């Protein structure tokens, strides 16, 4: 569920599953180099899944980082910087 949408600066969402709740926010800020994107997620596992929290956190951080790095690479390939920048 999209809970906040403030174009072009921020959006937030929440996801409710039987074994966990997730809330997250992504923000965009102009910087001299382009746009800085930041994200923050809160994951609250329930039931037996709580026992796996340390493992899920480690895997989740790696996967999240890989996802955003892939997005950055794709966007930079679509919109290359001028040679003299």
C-alpha atoms as a PDB file:
ATOM      1  CA  UNK A   1       0.000   0.000   0.000  1.00  0.00           C
ATOM      2  CA  UNK A   2       1.351   3.430  -0.942  1.00  0.00           C
ATOM      3  CA  UNK A   3       0.981   5.553   2.200  1.00  0.00           C
ATOM      4  CA  UNK A   4       2.656   8.809   1.131  1.00  0.00           C
ATOM      5  CA  UNK A   5       3.409  10.360  -2.227  1.00  0.00           C
ATOM      6  CA  UNK A   6       4.995  13.800  -2.365  1.00  0.00           C
ATOM      7  CA  UNK A   7       6.262  14.227  -5.898  1.00  0.00           C
ATOM      8  CA  UNK A   8       9.154  14.675  -6.570  1.00  0.00           C
ATOM      9  CA  UNK A   9      10.619  14.339  -3.065  1.00  0.00           C
ATOM     10  CA  UNK A  10       9.290  11.287  -1.236  1.00  0.00           C
ATOM     11  CA  UNK A  11       7.113   8.228  -1.189  1.00  0.00           C
ATOM     12  CA  UNK A  12       6.331   5.737   1.524  1.00  0.00           C
ATOM     13  CA  UNK A  13       4.654   2.364   1.543  1.00  0.00           C
ATOM     14  CA  UNK A  14       3.627  -0.433   3.845  1.00  0.00           C
ATOM     15  CA  UNK A  15       3.204  -4.122   3.182  1.00  0.00           C
ATOM     16  CA  UNK A  16       1.343  -6.483   5.472  1.00  0.00           C
ATOM     17  CA  UNK A  17       1.958 -10.216   5.102  1.00  0.00           C
ATOM     18  CA  UNK A  18       0.943 -13.073   7.338  1.00  0.00           C
ATOM     19  CA  UNK A  19       4.519 -13.424   8.650  1.00  0.00           C
ATOM     20  CA  UNK A  20       5.702  -9.772   8.706  1.00  0.00           C
ATOM     21  CA  UNK A  21       4.919  -6.089   8.284  1.00  0.00           C
ATOM     22  CA  UNK A  22       7.189  -3.780   6.295  1.00  0.00           C
ATOM     23  CA  UNK A  23       7.160   0.011   6.201  1.00  0.00           C
ATOM     24  CA  UNK A  24       9.497   2.027   4.043  1.00  0.00           C
ATOM     25  CA  UNK A  25      10.292   5.488   2.782  1.00  0.00           C
ATOM     26  CA  UNK A  26      12.298   6.570  -0.259  1.00  0.00           C
ATOM     27  CA  UNK A  27      13.440  10.197  -0.581  1.00  0.00           C
ATOM     28  CA  UNK A  28      15.005  12.145  -3.436  1.00  0.00           C
ATOM     29  CA  UNK A  29      17.081  15.307  -3.004  1.00  0.00           C
ATOM     30  CA  UNK A  30      18.860  17.435  -5.593  1.00  0.00           C
ATOM     31  CA  UNK A  31      22.650  17.525  -5.246  1.00  0.00           C
ATOM     32  CA  UNK A  32      25.266  19.029  -7.573  1.00  0.00           C
ATOM     33  CA  UNK A  33      26.017  15.581  -9.033  1.00  0.00           C
ATOM     34  CA  UNK A  34      22.347  14.843  -9.823  1.00  0.00           C
ATOM     35  CA  UNK A  35      19.872  13.341  -7.376  1.00  0.00           C
ATOM     36  CA  UNK A  36      20.556  11.638  -4.059  1.00  0.00           C
ATOM     37  CA  UNK A  37      18.179   8.822  -3.263  1.00  0.00           C
ATOM     38  CA  UNK A  38      17.876   7.442   0.253  1.00  0.00           C
ATOM     39  CA  UNK A  39      15.709   4.697   1.643  1.00  0.00           C
ATOM     40  CA  UNK A  40      14.763   3.386   5.020  1.00  0.00           C
ATOM     41  CA  UNK A  41      12.805   0.214   5.778  1.00  0.00           C
ATOM     42  CA  UNK A  42      11.433  -1.194   8.994  1.00  0.00           C
ATOM     43  CA  UNK A  43      10.624  -4.895   8.962  1.00  0.00           C
ATOM     44  CA  UNK A  44       8.696  -6.512  11.794  1.00  0.00           C
ATOM     45  CA  UNK A  45       8.625 -10.302  11.495  1.00  0.00           C
ATOM     46  CA  UNK A  46       5.932 -12.282  13.309  1.00  0.00           C
ATOM     47  CA  UNK A  47       5.676 -15.791  14.664  1.00  0.00           C
ATOM     48  CA  UNK A  48       8.413 -18.316  14.010  1.00  0.00           C
ATOM     49  CA  UNK A  49       9.922 -16.002  11.373  1.00  0.00           C
ATOM     50  CA  UNK A  50      11.106 -13.776  14.251  1.00  0.00           C
ATOM     51  CA  UNK A  51      13.704 -16.417  15.074  1.00  0.00           C
ATOM     52  CA  UNK A  52      15.246 -15.866  11.645  1.00  0.00           C
ATOM     53  CA  UNK A  53      15.537 -12.080  12.055  1.00  0.00           C
ATOM     54  CA  UNK A  54      19.378 -11.903  12.067  1.00  0.00           C
ATOM     55  CA  UNK A  55      19.632 -14.019   8.909  1.00  0.00           C
ATOM     56  CA  UNK A  56      16.818 -12.159   7.164  1.00  0.00           C
ATOM     57  CA  UNK A  57      18.399  -8.802   8.045  1.00  0.00           C
ATOM     58  CA  UNK A  58      21.758  -9.768   6.549  1.00  0.00           C
ATOM     59  CA  UNK A  59      20.232 -11.171   3.359  1.00  0.00           C
ATOM     60  CA  UNK A  60      17.789  -8.267   3.076  1.00  0.00           C
ATOM     61  CA  UNK A  61      20.512  -5.603   3.362  1.00  0.00           C
ATOM     62  CA  UNK A  62      22.596  -7.258   0.654  1.00  0.00           C
ATOM     63  CA  UNK A  63      19.637  -7.703  -1.681  1.00  0.00           C
ATOM     64  CA  UNK A  64      18.403  -4.160  -1.135  1.00  0.00           C
ATOM     65  CA  UNK A  65      21.863  -2.723  -1.855  1.00  0.00           C
ATOM     66  CA  UNK A  66      22.156  -4.831  -5.023  1.00  0.00           C
ATOM     67  CA  UNK A  67      18.700  -3.710  -6.211  1.00  0.00           C
ATOM     68  CA  UNK A  68      19.480   0.003  -5.818  1.00  0.00           C
ATOM     69  CA  UNK A  69      22.939  -0.339  -7.371  1.00  0.00           C
ATOM     70  CA  UNK A  70      21.365  -2.060 -10.379  1.00  0.00           C
ATOM     71  CA  UNK A  71      18.797   0.720 -10.704  1.00  0.00           C
ATOM     72  CA  UNK A  72      21.571   3.336 -10.533  1.00  0.00           C
ATOM     73  CA  UNK A  73      23.549   1.554 -13.247  1.00  0.00           C
ATOM     74  CA  UNK A  74      20.514   1.302 -15.547  1.00  0.00           C
ATOM     75  CA  UNK A  75      19.567   4.955 -15.051  1.00  0.00           C
ATOM     76  CA  UNK A  76      23.123   6.119 -15.685  1.00  0.00           C
ATOM     77  CA  UNK A  77      23.272   4.048 -18.871  1.00  0.00           C
ATOM     78  CA  UNK A  78      20.020   5.626 -20.068  1.00  0.00           C
ATOM     79  CA  UNK A  79      21.148   9.153 -19.154  1.00  0.00           C
ATOM     80  CA  UNK A  80      24.940   9.353 -19.437  1.00  0.00           C
ATOM     81  CA  UNK A  81      26.703  12.402 -18.036  1.00  0.00           C
ATOM     82  CA  UNK A  82      28.365  14.798 -20.460  1.00  0.00           C
ATOM     83  CA  UNK A  83      32.079  14.037 -20.959  1.00  0.00           C
ATOM     84  CA  UNK A  84      33.265  17.266 -19.283  1.00  0.00           C
ATOM     85  CA  UNK A  85      31.265  16.776 -16.044  1.00  0.00           C
END
